[in-house]
Amino acid sequence: MTNDPAEHSARAGRSRRPSGATRSPRTPGPPNAAEKILASAVELFRERGPAAVSLREIARHAGVNYGLIHHYYGTKEGVLAAVFRMSAERGERVLDDVADSATALAILAHDPRAFARMLAFAVLESDSSQVFESETPGIRKLRELIEHEWTQSAAGTLPPPSTRTAFDPRVIAATSVLTVLGWSLLSSYLVPASGLAERDPDDLHAEVLEVLQCLIRATAPGRTQTP
């Protein structure tokens, strides 16, 4: 139980709202309050991870009334969903002019720690069905690049990749284990984000294992192509 007047006010407002009604657009708040809340959430989540950040801290950091978070976003899941939507939109803009999958992956791999911390919290500590909604533009762009390169490969116009001549089997083993564990842990994000919601889960898992077998064989000594 809390004695915070702002929280009592927010609760009272919710109790008077009819079931199923949308939040009233007339709720007063400072200009750009929703944007300030989201910007503060992103900054605090990046610094400490969502598990260590409360909604009240986000409100203080944003300089807004605590009840406005409930008005605009509802719960921490709602805040996380908005953060991931914003991240997806930024990812789409960043990858908009990228011409190949190697460049796209290099961009996605840049400083992923903060995103990974938010993702882990969303999967392990929240109702992920309220956070992950649909295919993300960044993953869709990567899929389109892959499909284009497959078409080039079939036509014989795709140049060989610029790769090392020999791979460390320890790296291949670690990547394989990472993929298996990551798919198991993060499927609630990966399936909707990749537009795979209609696929059978068992068949998806089997295909992931088959992809790893292709990876292992393609990186075998003597199989690596050089320009």
Protein backbone atom coordinates (compact mmCIF):
# COMPACT_ATOMS: atom_id res chain seq x y z
CA MET A 1 0.00 0.00 0.00
CA THR A 2 1.27 3.44 -0.86
CA ASN A 3 0.42 6.94 0.38
CA ASP A 4 1.52 8.61 -2.83
CA PRO A 5 -1.33 10.97 -3.83
CA ALA A 6 -0.42 10.71 -7.50
CA GLU A 7 -0.76 6.94 -7.44
CA HIS A 8 -4.09 7.13 -5.54
CA SER A 9 -5.31 9.60 -8.14
CA ALA A 10 -4.25 7.34 -11.01
CA ARG A 11 -5.95 4.35 -9.37
CA ALA A 12 -9.12 6.31 -8.76
CA GLY A 13 -9.22 7.39 -12.36
CA ARG A 14 -8.83 3.82 -13.54
CA SER A 15 -11.56 2.57 -11.21
CA ARG A 16 -14.05 5.09 -12.66
CA ARG A 17 -13.23 4.15 -16.25
CA PRO A 18 -15.75 1.68 -17.75
CA SER A 19 -14.40 -1.77 -18.56
CA GLY A 20 -12.93 -1.93 -22.07
CA ALA A 21 -12.90 1.87 -22.48
CA THR A 22 -9.89 3.55 -24.02
CA ARG A 23 -7.86 6.08 -22.09
CA SER A 24 -9.32 9.54 -22.36
CA PRO A 25 -7.35 11.88 -24.63
CA ARG A 26 -8.41 14.75 -22.39
CA THR A 27 -6.20 13.68 -19.48
CA PRO A 28 -4.06 16.74 -18.78
CA GLY A 29 -0.31 16.53 -19.10
CA PRO A 30 2.62 18.70 -20.14
CA PRO A 31 3.41 18.96 -23.84
CA ASN A 32 5.35 15.94 -25.13
CA ALA A 33 4.82 14.08 -21.84
CA ALA A 34 4.55 10.73 -23.61
CA GLU A 35 7.81 11.39 -25.49
CA LYS A 36 9.58 12.49 -22.31
CA ILE A 37 8.48 9.32 -20.52
CA LEU A 38 9.70 7.14 -23.37
CA ALA A 39 13.03 8.97 -23.67
CA SER A 40 13.62 8.59 -19.92
CA ALA A 41 12.70 4.91 -20.03
CA VAL A 42 15.19 4.29 -22.84
CA GLU A 43 17.98 6.12 -21.01
CA LEU A 44 17.36 4.37 -17.67
CA PHE A 45 16.86 0.95 -19.25
CA ARG A 46 20.13 1.34 -21.17
CA GLU A 47 22.02 2.35 -18.02
CA ARG A 48 20.71 -0.26 -15.58
CA GLY A 49 18.35 -2.62 -17.37
CA PRO A 50 14.54 -2.70 -16.98
CA ALA A 51 14.64 -4.97 -13.91
CA ALA A 52 16.33 -2.26 -11.84
CA VAL A 53 14.10 0.62 -12.99
CA SER A 54 10.67 1.38 -11.57
CA LEU A 55 7.90 3.32 -13.27
CA ARG A 56 8.12 5.90 -10.49
CA GLU A 57 11.82 6.46 -11.30
CA ILE A 58 10.94 6.94 -14.96
CA ALA A 59 8.34 9.55 -13.99
CA ARG A 60 10.83 11.44 -11.80
CA HIS A 61 13.48 11.35 -14.51
CA ALA A 62 11.00 12.61 -17.10
CA GLY A 63 9.68 15.32 -14.76
CA VAL A 64 6.06 14.22 -15.13
CA ASN A 65 3.29 13.03 -12.82
CA TYR A 66 3.51 9.32 -12.06
CA GLY A 67 -0.11 8.81 -13.12
CA LEU A 68 0.69 9.90 -16.67
CA ILE A 69 2.72 6.74 -17.23
CA HIS A 70 -0.41 4.71 -16.56
CA HIS A 71 -2.39 7.01 -18.81
CA TYR A 72 -0.05 6.72 -21.80
CA TYR A 73 1.47 3.27 -21.37
CA GLY A 74 -0.41 1.41 -18.64
CA THR A 75 2.29 -0.90 -17.22
CA LYS A 76 6.00 -1.57 -17.56
CA GLU A 77 5.10 -4.01 -20.35
CA GLY A 78 3.42 -1.10 -22.12
CA VAL A 79 6.53 1.04 -21.71
CA LEU A 80 8.72 -1.81 -22.98
CA ALA A 81 6.45 -2.37 -25.97
CA ALA A 82 6.77 1.32 -26.87
CA VAL A 83 10.56 1.17 -26.44
CA PHE A 84 10.82 -1.85 -28.73
CA ARG A 85 8.54 -0.21 -31.31
CA MET A 86 10.76 2.87 -31.30
CA SER A 87 13.87 0.69 -31.59
CA ALA A 88 12.32 -1.13 -34.55
CA GLU A 89 11.52 2.15 -36.28
CA ARG A 90 15.08 3.37 -35.80
CA GLY A 91 16.40 0.06 -37.08
CA GLU A 92 14.31 0.44 -40.22
CA ARG A 93 15.75 3.91 -40.86
CA VAL A 94 19.33 2.76 -40.24
CA LEU A 95 19.00 -0.20 -42.61
CA ASP A 96 16.99 1.62 -45.25
CA ASP A 97 19.92 2.16 -47.64
CA VAL A 98 21.91 -0.98 -46.78
CA ALA A 99 22.63 -3.07 -49.89
CA ASP A 100 23.76 -6.44 -48.51
CA SER A 101 23.21 -8.78 -45.57
CA ALA A 102 26.81 -8.59 -44.34
CA THR A 103 26.55 -4.83 -43.83
CA ALA A 104 23.13 -5.18 -42.20
CA LEU A 105 24.45 -7.76 -39.73
CA ALA A 106 27.46 -5.59 -38.93
CA ILE A 107 25.13 -2.69 -38.10
CA LEU A 108 22.82 -4.87 -36.00
CA ALA A 109 25.84 -6.24 -34.12
CA HIS A 110 27.03 -2.77 -33.10
CA ASP A 111 26.67 -2.23 -29.34
CA PRO A 112 23.82 -4.74 -28.82
CA ARG A 113 24.26 -5.03 -25.04
CA ALA A 114 21.59 -2.53 -24.02
CA PHE A 115 19.04 -4.02 -26.40
CA ALA A 116 19.91 -7.52 -25.19
CA ARG A 117 19.34 -6.51 -21.55
CA MET A 118 15.91 -5.12 -22.37
CA LEU A 119 15.10 -8.18 -24.44
CA ALA A 120 16.15 -10.59 -21.68
CA PHE A 121 14.00 -8.75 -19.13
CA ALA A 122 11.00 -8.70 -21.48
CA VAL A 123 11.28 -12.44 -22.10
CA LEU A 124 12.11 -13.58 -18.56
CA GLU A 125 10.38 -11.08 -16.27
CA SER A 126 7.30 -9.78 -18.11
CA ASP A 127 4.26 -10.87 -20.08
CA SER A 128 6.01 -10.96 -23.44
CA SER A 129 2.71 -11.31 -25.30
CA GLN A 130 2.06 -7.68 -24.37
CA VAL A 131 5.51 -6.55 -25.49
CA PHE A 132 6.21 -8.31 -28.79
CA GLU A 133 3.49 -7.70 -31.32
CA SER A 134 4.54 -8.28 -34.92
CA GLU A 135 7.35 -8.52 -37.45
CA THR A 136 10.00 -5.83 -36.97
CA PRO A 137 11.12 -3.69 -39.93
CA GLY A 138 14.80 -4.42 -39.27
CA ILE A 139 14.41 -8.19 -39.46
CA ARG A 140 12.11 -7.83 -42.48
CA LYS A 141 14.81 -5.76 -44.21
CA LEU A 142 17.43 -8.42 -43.44
CA ARG A 143 15.13 -11.11 -44.85
CA GLU A 144 14.64 -9.09 -48.04
CA LEU A 145 18.41 -8.72 -48.44
CA ILE A 146 18.88 -12.46 -47.97
CA GLU A 147 16.18 -13.24 -50.54
CA HIS A 148 17.82 -10.84 -53.01
CA GLU A 149 21.22 -12.46 -52.51
CA TRP A 150 19.72 -15.91 -52.98
CA THR A 151 18.28 -14.73 -56.30
CA GLN A 152 21.70 -13.38 -57.32
CA SER A 153 23.33 -16.65 -56.27
CA ALA A 154 20.91 -18.68 -58.37
CA ALA A 155 21.66 -16.43 -61.35
CA GLY A 156 25.40 -16.73 -60.80
CA THR A 157 25.82 -12.99 -60.27
CA LEU A 158 26.52 -13.00 -56.52
CA PRO A 159 30.25 -12.53 -55.79
CA PRO A 160 31.80 -14.86 -53.20
CA PRO A 161 31.98 -13.49 -49.66
CA SER A 162 35.16 -11.96 -48.32
CA THR A 163 35.86 -14.42 -45.50
CA ARG A 164 38.84 -15.89 -43.73
CA THR A 165 40.33 -19.02 -45.27
CA ALA A 166 39.96 -21.09 -42.10
CA PHE A 167 37.48 -20.96 -39.20
CA ASP A 168 38.12 -21.89 -35.60
CA PRO A 169 35.91 -24.89 -34.76
CA ARG A 170 35.51 -23.50 -31.25
CA VAL A 171 33.83 -20.42 -32.69
CA ILE A 172 31.54 -22.59 -34.82
CA ALA A 173 30.69 -24.73 -31.76
CA ALA A 174 30.01 -21.65 -29.63
CA THR A 175 27.86 -20.09 -32.36
CA SER A 176 25.90 -23.33 -32.71
CA VAL A 177 25.23 -23.57 -28.97
CA LEU A 178 24.34 -19.88 -28.86
CA THR A 179 21.80 -20.35 -31.63
CA VAL A 180 20.18 -23.38 -29.98
CA LEU A 181 19.98 -21.74 -26.56
CA GLY A 182 19.03 -18.34 -27.97
CA TRP A 183 16.20 -19.79 -30.03
CA SER A 184 14.88 -21.66 -27.01
CA LEU A 185 15.12 -18.62 -24.73
CA LEU A 186 14.05 -15.87 -27.13
CA SER A 187 11.47 -17.58 -29.33
CA SER A 188 8.68 -15.42 -27.88
CA TYR A 189 10.50 -12.46 -29.46
CA LEU A 190 12.03 -14.08 -32.53
CA VAL A 191 8.85 -15.73 -33.82
CA PRO A 192 6.66 -12.59 -34.05
CA ALA A 193 9.61 -10.32 -34.90
CA SER A 194 10.52 -12.51 -37.87
CA GLY A 195 6.93 -12.92 -39.08
CA LEU A 196 6.90 -16.64 -38.23
CA ALA A 197 3.78 -16.79 -36.07
CA GLU A 198 1.98 -19.15 -38.46
CA ARG A 199 4.80 -21.73 -38.47
CA ASP A 200 4.66 -24.96 -36.46
CA PRO A 201 7.06 -24.60 -33.47
CA ASP A 202 8.49 -28.12 -33.85
CA ASP A 203 9.17 -27.60 -37.55
CA LEU A 204 10.82 -24.26 -36.82
CA HIS A 205 13.11 -25.88 -34.25
CA ALA A 206 14.02 -28.60 -36.74
CA GLU A 207 14.84 -26.01 -39.40
CA VAL A 208 17.10 -24.11 -37.01
CA LEU A 209 19.09 -27.31 -36.41
CA GLU A 210 19.31 -27.91 -40.16
CA VAL A 211 20.64 -24.36 -40.67
CA LEU A 212 23.36 -25.09 -38.12
CA GLN A 213 24.32 -28.26 -39.97
CA CYS A 214 24.70 -26.16 -43.13
CA LEU A 215 26.87 -23.71 -41.18
CA ILE A 216 29.13 -26.49 -39.88
CA ARG A 217 29.58 -28.01 -43.33
CA ALA A 218 30.09 -24.65 -45.09
CA THR A 219 32.92 -23.69 -42.72
CA ALA A 220 34.75 -27.00 -43.00
CA PRO A 221 38.40 -26.78 -44.15
CA GLY A 222 38.59 -26.51 -47.93
CA ARG A 223 34.98 -25.31 -48.28
CA THR A 224 35.55 -21.61 -47.60
CA GLN A 225 35.44 -19.42 -50.70
CA THR A 226 37.71 -16.44 -51.20
CA PRO A 227 37.37 -13.62 -53.74
